[in-house]
Amino acid sequence: MSLQSRQFDFWYAVQNTKIVRGPSRALETFGATRINYHHLAELPDDPRKVRVREGRLEAHKPAIITPEEYAEAQMDGFGAEARQYLEFLKANRDNIRILQYGYQLRQEAFSEQVVTDSLEAVTGRVVKEVEDAKDDFAAVIQGVDDPWDVSLVHFFWLHVNASAPVNVREFEAARQREMEDSTPRAVRDEVEAAFAKAQENPALVHELGALLQRRGVFDRYQDRFFKLVRRT
């Protein structure tokens, strides 16, 4: 198959992917996430039959990485078109947040069956089963029969974008807790008092910066310090 044909295949799959029901929770910030997926596709030679694939999509915990490490993202269990689609995402990483996180994807197919019924009817039954199971990390996806795993990459990209704000907030909260735990209480109190004075009197910002350097905590407070500098 030519490169142009493979590109057409993955774009056709992307454009015909529909997330019927996504997870109700964001991806885990500090641990692995396992999403139980249900992929439904009409058979190309008989639209009265629907192939139902069920499996698990595992994403390792996110880790902020440098641009040079983007190429190190790993994918296990995906076909050529799905990998090519990920390469496209890498090439456009400035606008796609998935690659700001070092996710490693692993796709495990558990079962596959062909059901004789309409896609709408089968989808309705699968959604009900998922909702009855009360699985916060379940997804129901409609797509093409081949290359079907492109739909999983596309779904994951969408879910990462939705999860990113939650992940960032939790990363920042953990960083703040770590800072507080490693800084003596007396130093924290002194720094907080200096920040309060600098907020009231911008002339004291330079003195605040000197204090942070002197106490060896400038790196821990630099974001807050520079935000104050920008306001003065």
C-alpha atoms as a PDB file:
ATOM      1  CA  MET A   1       0.000   0.000   0.000  1.00  0.00           C
ATOM      2  CA  SER A   2       1.358   3.449  -0.934  1.00  0.00           C
ATOM      3  CA  LEU A   3       2.044   6.207   1.611  1.00  0.00           C
ATOM      4  CA  GLN A   4      -0.764   8.280   0.075  1.00  0.00           C
ATOM      5  CA  SER A   5      -3.235   5.410   0.487  1.00  0.00           C
ATOM      6  CA  ARG A   6      -2.286   4.906   4.118  1.00  0.00           C
ATOM      7  CA  GLN A   7      -2.752   8.639   4.770  1.00  0.00           C
ATOM      8  CA  PHE A   8      -6.202   8.431   3.209  1.00  0.00           C
ATOM      9  CA  ASP A   9      -7.021   5.432   5.365  1.00  0.00           C
ATOM     10  CA  PHE A  10      -6.230   7.103   8.656  1.00  0.00           C
ATOM     11  CA  TRP A  11      -8.011  10.355   7.725  1.00  0.00           C
ATOM     12  CA  TYR A  12     -11.057   8.410   6.628  1.00  0.00           C
ATOM     13  CA  ALA A  13     -11.003   6.597   9.974  1.00  0.00           C
ATOM     14  CA  VAL A  14     -10.562   9.853  11.941  1.00  0.00           C
ATOM     15  CA  GLN A  15     -13.402  11.607  10.126  1.00  0.00           C
ATOM     16  CA  ASN A  16     -15.717   8.666  10.706  1.00  0.00           C
ATOM     17  CA  THR A  17     -14.984   8.313  14.411  1.00  0.00           C
ATOM     18  CA  LYS A  18     -17.787   9.197  16.795  1.00  0.00           C
ATOM     19  CA  ILE A  19     -17.355   9.175  20.569  1.00  0.00           C
ATOM     20  CA  VAL A  20     -20.792   8.036  21.678  1.00  0.00           C
ATOM     21  CA  ARG A  21     -19.901   7.930  25.350  1.00  0.00           C
ATOM     22  CA  GLY A  22     -16.607   9.022  26.859  1.00  0.00           C
ATOM     23  CA  PRO A  23     -15.208   8.454  30.363  1.00  0.00           C
ATOM     24  CA  SER A  24     -16.831  10.523  33.083  1.00  0.00           C
ATOM     25  CA  ARG A  25     -13.469  11.110  34.759  1.00  0.00           C
ATOM     26  CA  ALA A  26     -10.268  12.752  33.602  1.00  0.00           C
ATOM     27  CA  LEU A  27      -7.135  10.674  33.078  1.00  0.00           C
ATOM     28  CA  GLU A  28      -5.242   9.977  36.266  1.00  0.00           C
ATOM     29  CA  THR A  29      -2.533  12.523  37.033  1.00  0.00           C
ATOM     30  CA  PHE A  30      -0.297  10.413  39.253  1.00  0.00           C
ATOM     31  CA  GLY A  31      -0.988   6.890  38.094  1.00  0.00           C
ATOM     32  CA  ALA A  32      -1.882   4.728  35.130  1.00  0.00           C
ATOM     33  CA  THR A  33      -5.346   4.956  33.579  1.00  0.00           C
ATOM     34  CA  ARG A  34      -7.147   1.935  32.151  1.00  0.00           C
ATOM     35  CA  ILE A  35     -10.040   2.702  29.849  1.00  0.00           C
ATOM     36  CA  ASN A  36     -12.399  -0.095  28.869  1.00  0.00           C
ATOM     37  CA  TYR A  37     -13.335   0.614  25.274  1.00  0.00           C
ATOM     38  CA  HIS A  38     -16.168  -0.680  23.116  1.00  0.00           C
ATOM     39  CA  HIS A  39     -15.598  -0.084  19.398  1.00  0.00           C
ATOM     40  CA  LEU A  40     -18.499  -0.615  17.019  1.00  0.00           C
ATOM     41  CA  ALA A  41     -18.286  -0.684  13.229  1.00  0.00           C
ATOM     42  CA  GLU A  42     -20.573  -1.768  10.434  1.00  0.00           C
ATOM     43  CA  LEU A  43     -19.081  -4.444   8.228  1.00  0.00           C
ATOM     44  CA  PRO A  44     -18.151  -2.876   4.879  1.00  0.00           C
ATOM     45  CA  ASP A  45     -19.706  -5.734   2.880  1.00  0.00           C
ATOM     46  CA  ASP A  46     -22.879  -5.989   4.991  1.00  0.00           C
ATOM     47  CA  PRO A  47     -24.168  -2.881   6.838  1.00  0.00           C
ATOM     48  CA  ARG A  48     -26.743  -5.053   8.594  1.00  0.00           C
ATOM     49  CA  LYS A  49     -23.927  -6.530  10.670  1.00  0.00           C
ATOM     50  CA  VAL A  50     -21.876  -4.763  13.307  1.00  0.00           C
ATOM     51  CA  ARG A  51     -18.477  -5.794  14.617  1.00  0.00           C
ATOM     52  CA  VAL A  52     -18.140  -5.134  18.344  1.00  0.00           C
ATOM     53  CA  ARG A  53     -14.626  -4.994  19.732  1.00  0.00           C
ATOM     54  CA  GLU A  54     -14.013  -4.740  23.449  1.00  0.00           C
ATOM     55  CA  GLY A  55     -10.697  -4.219  25.146  1.00  0.00           C
ATOM     56  CA  ARG A  56      -8.595  -1.997  27.325  1.00  0.00           C
ATOM     57  CA  LEU A  57      -6.603   1.090  26.521  1.00  0.00           C
ATOM     58  CA  GLU A  58      -3.881   1.675  29.095  1.00  0.00           C
ATOM     59  CA  ALA A  59      -2.105   4.995  29.507  1.00  0.00           C
ATOM     60  CA  HIS A  60       0.825   5.341  31.847  1.00  0.00           C
ATOM     61  CA  LYS A  61       0.815   8.328  34.164  1.00  0.00           C
ATOM     62  CA  PRO A  62       1.529  11.658  32.455  1.00  0.00           C
ATOM     63  CA  ALA A  63       4.948  13.252  32.831  1.00  0.00           C
ATOM     64  CA  ILE A  64       5.863  16.652  31.474  1.00  0.00           C
ATOM     65  CA  ILE A  65       8.570  16.070  28.847  1.00  0.00           C
ATOM     66  CA  THR A  66      10.808  18.119  26.568  1.00  0.00           C
ATOM     67  CA  PRO A  67      10.223  18.440  22.807  1.00  0.00           C
ATOM     68  CA  GLU A  68      13.230  16.203  22.130  1.00  0.00           C
ATOM     69  CA  GLU A  69      11.491  13.388  23.986  1.00  0.00           C
ATOM     70  CA  TYR A  70       8.270  13.498  21.969  1.00  0.00           C
ATOM     71  CA  ALA A  71       9.575  10.815  19.639  1.00  0.00           C
ATOM     72  CA  GLU A  72      10.021   8.469  22.587  1.00  0.00           C
ATOM     73  CA  ALA A  73       6.282   8.024  23.149  1.00  0.00           C
ATOM     74  CA  GLN A  74       5.506   4.328  22.961  1.00  0.00           C
ATOM     75  CA  MET A  75       2.547   2.538  21.439  1.00  0.00           C
ATOM     76  CA  ASP A  76       1.917  -1.149  21.928  1.00  0.00           C
ATOM     77  CA  GLY A  77      -0.754  -3.094  20.089  1.00  0.00           C
ATOM     78  CA  PHE A  78      -1.512  -0.524  17.380  1.00  0.00           C
ATOM     79  CA  GLY A  79      -1.424  -0.959  13.612  1.00  0.00           C
ATOM     80  CA  ALA A  80       0.472   1.014  10.955  1.00  0.00           C
ATOM     81  CA  GLU A  81      -2.286   3.555  10.278  1.00  0.00           C
ATOM     82  CA  ALA A  82      -2.755   4.330  13.979  1.00  0.00           C
ATOM     83  CA  ARG A  83       0.989   4.844  14.361  1.00  0.00           C
ATOM     84  CA  GLN A  84       1.017   7.082  11.302  1.00  0.00           C
ATOM     85  CA  TYR A  85      -1.780   9.173  12.756  1.00  0.00           C
ATOM     86  CA  LEU A  86       0.271   9.607  15.934  1.00  0.00           C
ATOM     87  CA  GLU A  87       3.187  10.742  13.774  1.00  0.00           C
ATOM     88  CA  PHE A  88       0.879  13.361  12.292  1.00  0.00           C
ATOM     89  CA  LEU A  89      -0.004  14.543  15.784  1.00  0.00           C
ATOM     90  CA  LYS A  90       3.696  14.802  16.621  1.00  0.00           C
ATOM     91  CA  ALA A  91       4.347  16.883  13.520  1.00  0.00           C
ATOM     92  CA  ASN A  92       1.623  19.301  14.667  1.00  0.00           C
ATOM     93  CA  ARG A  93       2.470  19.211  18.347  1.00  0.00           C
ATOM     94  CA  ASP A  94       2.368  22.992  18.817  1.00  0.00           C
ATOM     95  CA  ASN A  95      -1.410  22.834  18.667  1.00  0.00           C
ATOM     96  CA  ILE A  96      -2.065  19.391  20.120  1.00  0.00           C
ATOM     97  CA  ARG A  97      -1.726  18.922  23.841  1.00  0.00           C
ATOM     98  CA  ILE A  98      -1.458  15.139  23.833  1.00  0.00           C
ATOM     99  CA  LEU A  99       2.284  15.343  23.230  1.00  0.00           C
ATOM    100  CA  GLN A 100       2.926  17.680  26.126  1.00  0.00           C
ATOM    101  CA  TYR A 101       2.471  14.588  28.257  1.00  0.00           C
ATOM    102  CA  GLY A 102       4.638  11.496  28.118  1.00  0.00           C
ATOM    103  CA  TYR A 103       1.832   9.021  27.717  1.00  0.00           C
ATOM    104  CA  GLN A 104       2.648   5.488  26.705  1.00  0.00           C
ATOM    105  CA  LEU A 105      -0.310   3.774  25.107  1.00  0.00           C
ATOM    106  CA  ARG A 106      -1.021   0.083  25.143  1.00  0.00           C
ATOM    107  CA  GLN A 107      -4.039  -1.392  23.451  1.00  0.00           C
ATOM    108  CA  GLU A 108      -5.313  -4.801  24.479  1.00  0.00           C
ATOM    109  CA  ALA A 109      -8.149  -6.425  22.524  1.00  0.00           C
ATOM    110  CA  PHE A 110     -10.122  -8.786  24.733  1.00  0.00           C
ATOM    111  CA  SER A 111     -12.990  -9.875  22.499  1.00  0.00           C
ATOM    112  CA  GLU A 112     -14.568  -9.418  19.094  1.00  0.00           C
ATOM    113  CA  GLN A 113     -17.967 -10.476  17.831  1.00  0.00           C
ATOM    114  CA  VAL A 114     -20.252  -9.767  14.870  1.00  0.00           C
ATOM    115  CA  VAL A 115     -23.873  -8.918  15.666  1.00  0.00           C
ATOM    116  CA  THR A 116     -26.708  -8.904  13.137  1.00  0.00           C
ATOM    117  CA  ASP A 117     -28.583  -5.678  13.802  1.00  0.00           C
ATOM    118  CA  SER A 118     -28.407  -1.986  13.004  1.00  0.00           C
ATOM    119  CA  LEU A 119     -25.499   0.090  14.286  1.00  0.00           C
ATOM    120  CA  GLU A 120     -27.938   2.298  16.185  1.00  0.00           C
ATOM    121  CA  ALA A 121     -29.563  -0.625  17.977  1.00  0.00           C
ATOM    122  CA  VAL A 122     -26.281  -2.295  18.915  1.00  0.00           C
ATOM    123  CA  THR A 123     -24.857   1.011  20.124  1.00  0.00           C
ATOM    124  CA  GLY A 124     -27.885   1.609  22.328  1.00  0.00           C
ATOM    125  CA  ARG A 125     -27.504  -1.776  24.001  1.00  0.00           C
ATOM    126  CA  VAL A 126     -23.766  -1.336  24.573  1.00  0.00           C
ATOM    127  CA  VAL A 127     -24.233   2.146  26.061  1.00  0.00           C
ATOM    128  CA  LYS A 128     -26.867   0.800  28.453  1.00  0.00           C
ATOM    129  CA  GLU A 129     -24.562  -2.030  29.551  1.00  0.00           C
ATOM    130  CA  VAL A 130     -21.739   0.448  30.185  1.00  0.00           C
ATOM    131  CA  GLU A 131     -23.982   2.797  32.144  1.00  0.00           C
ATOM    132  CA  ASP A 132     -25.396  -0.055  34.214  1.00  0.00           C
ATOM    133  CA  ALA A 133     -21.838  -1.120  35.062  1.00  0.00           C
ATOM    134  CA  LYS A 134     -21.127   2.426  36.367  1.00  0.00           C
ATOM    135  CA  ASP A 135     -17.614   2.342  34.921  1.00  0.00           C
ATOM    136  CA  ASP A 136     -16.105   5.852  35.125  1.00  0.00           C
ATOM    137  CA  PHE A 137     -13.395   4.913  32.623  1.00  0.00           C
ATOM    138  CA  ALA A 138     -15.506   3.279  29.918  1.00  0.00           C
ATOM    139  CA  ALA A 139     -15.822   4.544  26.350  1.00  0.00           C
ATOM    140  CA  VAL A 140     -18.180   3.636  23.526  1.00  0.00           C
ATOM    141  CA  ILE A 141     -16.835   4.538  20.092  1.00  0.00           C
ATOM    142  CA  GLN A 142     -18.250   4.171  16.599  1.00  0.00           C
ATOM    143  CA  GLY A 143     -15.820   3.957  13.705  1.00  0.00           C
ATOM    144  CA  VAL A 144     -14.760   2.117  10.593  1.00  0.00           C
ATOM    145  CA  ASP A 145     -13.973  -1.573  10.555  1.00  0.00           C
ATOM    146  CA  ASP A 146     -10.489  -1.016   9.132  1.00  0.00           C
ATOM    147  CA  PRO A 147      -8.273   0.661  10.279  1.00  0.00           C
ATOM    148  CA  TRP A 148     -10.332   0.640  13.445  1.00  0.00           C
ATOM    149  CA  ASP A 149      -7.567   1.395  15.984  1.00  0.00           C
ATOM    150  CA  VAL A 150      -7.084   4.888  14.531  1.00  0.00           C
ATOM    151  CA  SER A 151     -10.332   5.661  16.350  1.00  0.00           C
ATOM    152  CA  LEU A 152      -8.680   4.772  19.646  1.00  0.00           C
ATOM    153  CA  VAL A 153      -5.818   7.219  19.046  1.00  0.00           C
ATOM    154  CA  HIS A 154      -8.288   9.935  18.054  1.00  0.00           C
ATOM    155  CA  PHE A 155     -10.456   9.261  21.102  1.00  0.00           C
ATOM    156  CA  PHE A 156      -7.426   9.347  23.370  1.00  0.00           C
ATOM    157  CA  TRP A 157      -6.270  12.674  21.923  1.00  0.00           C
ATOM    158  CA  LEU A 158      -9.687  14.185  22.637  1.00  0.00           C
ATOM    159  CA  HIS A 159      -9.732  12.815  26.168  1.00  0.00           C
ATOM    160  CA  VAL A 160      -6.223  14.108  26.895  1.00  0.00           C
ATOM    161  CA  ASN A 161      -7.306  17.580  25.830  1.00  0.00           C
ATOM    162  CA  ALA A 162     -10.274  17.336  28.171  1.00  0.00           C
ATOM    163  CA  SER A 163      -8.118  15.978  31.013  1.00  0.00           C
ATOM    164  CA  ALA A 164      -5.199  18.394  30.646  1.00  0.00           C
ATOM    165  CA  PRO A 165      -6.625  21.233  32.808  1.00  0.00           C
ATOM    166  CA  VAL A 166      -7.315  18.767  35.627  1.00  0.00           C
ATOM    167  CA  ASN A 167      -3.830  17.228  35.331  1.00  0.00           C
ATOM    168  CA  VAL A 168      -2.143  20.637  35.344  1.00  0.00           C
ATOM    169  CA  ARG A 169      -4.050  21.786  38.445  1.00  0.00           C
ATOM    170  CA  GLU A 170      -3.182  18.596  40.300  1.00  0.00           C
ATOM    171  CA  PHE A 171       0.489  18.828  39.259  1.00  0.00           C
ATOM    172  CA  GLU A 172       0.616  22.411  40.540  1.00  0.00           C
ATOM    173  CA  ALA A 173      -1.132  21.543  43.815  1.00  0.00           C
ATOM    174  CA  ALA A 174       1.323  18.696  44.412  1.00  0.00           C
ATOM    175  CA  ARG A 175       4.257  20.989  43.650  1.00  0.00           C
ATOM    176  CA  GLN A 176       2.980  23.528  46.148  1.00  0.00           C
ATOM    177  CA  ARG A 177       2.573  20.851  48.813  1.00  0.00           C
ATOM    178  CA  GLU A 178       6.079  19.586  48.143  1.00  0.00           C
ATOM    179  CA  MET A 179       7.435  23.108  48.493  1.00  0.00           C
ATOM    180  CA  GLU A 180       5.642  23.600  51.788  1.00  0.00           C
ATOM    181  CA  ASP A 181       6.825  20.279  53.168  1.00  0.00           C
ATOM    182  CA  SER A 182      10.475  20.980  52.334  1.00  0.00           C
ATOM    183  CA  THR A 183      10.591  24.616  53.509  1.00  0.00           C
ATOM    184  CA  PRO A 184      10.913  25.391  57.250  1.00  0.00           C
ATOM    185  CA  ARG A 185       7.812  27.053  58.715  1.00  0.00           C
ATOM    186  CA  ALA A 186       9.774  30.097  59.849  1.00  0.00           C
ATOM    187  CA  VAL A 187      11.059  30.678  56.300  1.00  0.00           C
ATOM    188  CA  ARG A 188       7.573  30.235  54.835  1.00  0.00           C
ATOM    189  CA  ASP A 189       6.170  32.785  57.280  1.00  0.00           C
ATOM    190  CA  GLU A 190       8.948  35.253  56.484  1.00  0.00           C
ATOM    191  CA  VAL A 191       8.406  34.834  52.742  1.00  0.00           C
ATOM    192  CA  GLU A 192       4.635  35.207  53.009  1.00  0.00           C
ATOM    193  CA  ALA A 193       5.056  38.407  55.005  1.00  0.00           C
ATOM    194  CA  ALA A 194       7.466  39.752  52.388  1.00  0.00           C
ATOM    195  CA  PHE A 195       5.057  38.908  49.560  1.00  0.00           C
ATOM    196  CA  ALA A 196       2.240  40.712  51.382  1.00  0.00           C
ATOM    197  CA  LYS A 197       4.372  43.845  51.803  1.00  0.00           C
ATOM    198  CA  ALA A 198       5.510  43.767  48.160  1.00  0.00           C
ATOM    199  CA  GLN A 199       1.922  43.487  46.966  1.00  0.00           C
ATOM    200  CA  GLU A 200       1.060  46.634  48.911  1.00  0.00           C
ATOM    201  CA  ASN A 201       4.273  48.464  48.008  1.00  0.00           C
ATOM    202  CA  PRO A 202       5.795  47.607  44.583  1.00  0.00           C
ATOM    203  CA  ALA A 203       9.038  49.295  45.643  1.00  0.00           C
ATOM    204  CA  LEU A 204       9.683  46.283  47.887  1.00  0.00           C
ATOM    205  CA  VAL A 205       9.656  43.725  45.028  1.00  0.00           C
ATOM    206  CA  HIS A 206      13.443  43.914  44.641  1.00  0.00           C
ATOM    207  CA  GLU A 207      13.853  43.330  48.373  1.00  0.00           C
ATOM    208  CA  LEU A 208      11.507  40.333  48.118  1.00  0.00           C
ATOM    209  CA  GLY A 209      13.625  38.837  45.337  1.00  0.00           C
ATOM    210  CA  ALA A 210      16.768  39.282  47.410  1.00  0.00           C
ATOM    211  CA  LEU A 211      15.096  37.540  50.361  1.00  0.00           C
ATOM    212  CA  LEU A 212      14.097  34.565  48.212  1.00  0.00           C
ATOM    213  CA  GLN A 213      17.674  34.257  46.943  1.00  0.00           C
ATOM    214  CA  ARG A 214      19.133  34.614  50.426  1.00  0.00           C
ATOM    215  CA  ARG A 215      16.874  31.914  51.874  1.00  0.00           C
ATOM    216  CA  GLY A 216      17.568  29.599  48.914  1.00  0.00           C
ATOM    217  CA  VAL A 217      13.909  29.302  47.928  1.00  0.00           C
ATOM    218  CA  PHE A 218      13.779  31.445  44.797  1.00  0.00           C
ATOM    219  CA  ASP A 219      13.146  28.445  42.509  1.00  0.00           C
ATOM    220  CA  ARG A 220      10.172  27.414  44.622  1.00  0.00           C
ATOM    221  CA  TYR A 221       8.551  30.851  44.518  1.00  0.00           C
ATOM    222  CA  GLN A 222       9.720  32.107  41.146  1.00  0.00           C
ATOM    223  CA  ASP A 223       6.379  31.735  39.342  1.00  0.00           C
ATOM    224  CA  ARG A 224       4.615  33.718  42.028  1.00  0.00           C
ATOM    225  CA  PHE A 225       7.441  36.271  42.165  1.00  0.00           C
ATOM    226  CA  PHE A 226       7.482  36.917  38.407  1.00  0.00           C
ATOM    227  CA  LYS A 227       3.698  37.196  38.364  1.00  0.00           C
ATOM    228  CA  LEU A 228       4.039  39.938  40.965  1.00  0.00           C
ATOM    229  CA  VAL A 229       6.797  41.605  38.922  1.00  0.00           C
ATOM    230  CA  ARG A 230       4.559  41.697  35.850  1.00  0.00           C
ATOM    231  CA  ARG A 231       1.854  43.472  37.820  1.00  0.00           C
ATOM    232  CA  THR A 232       4.185  46.208  39.071  1.00  0.00           C
END
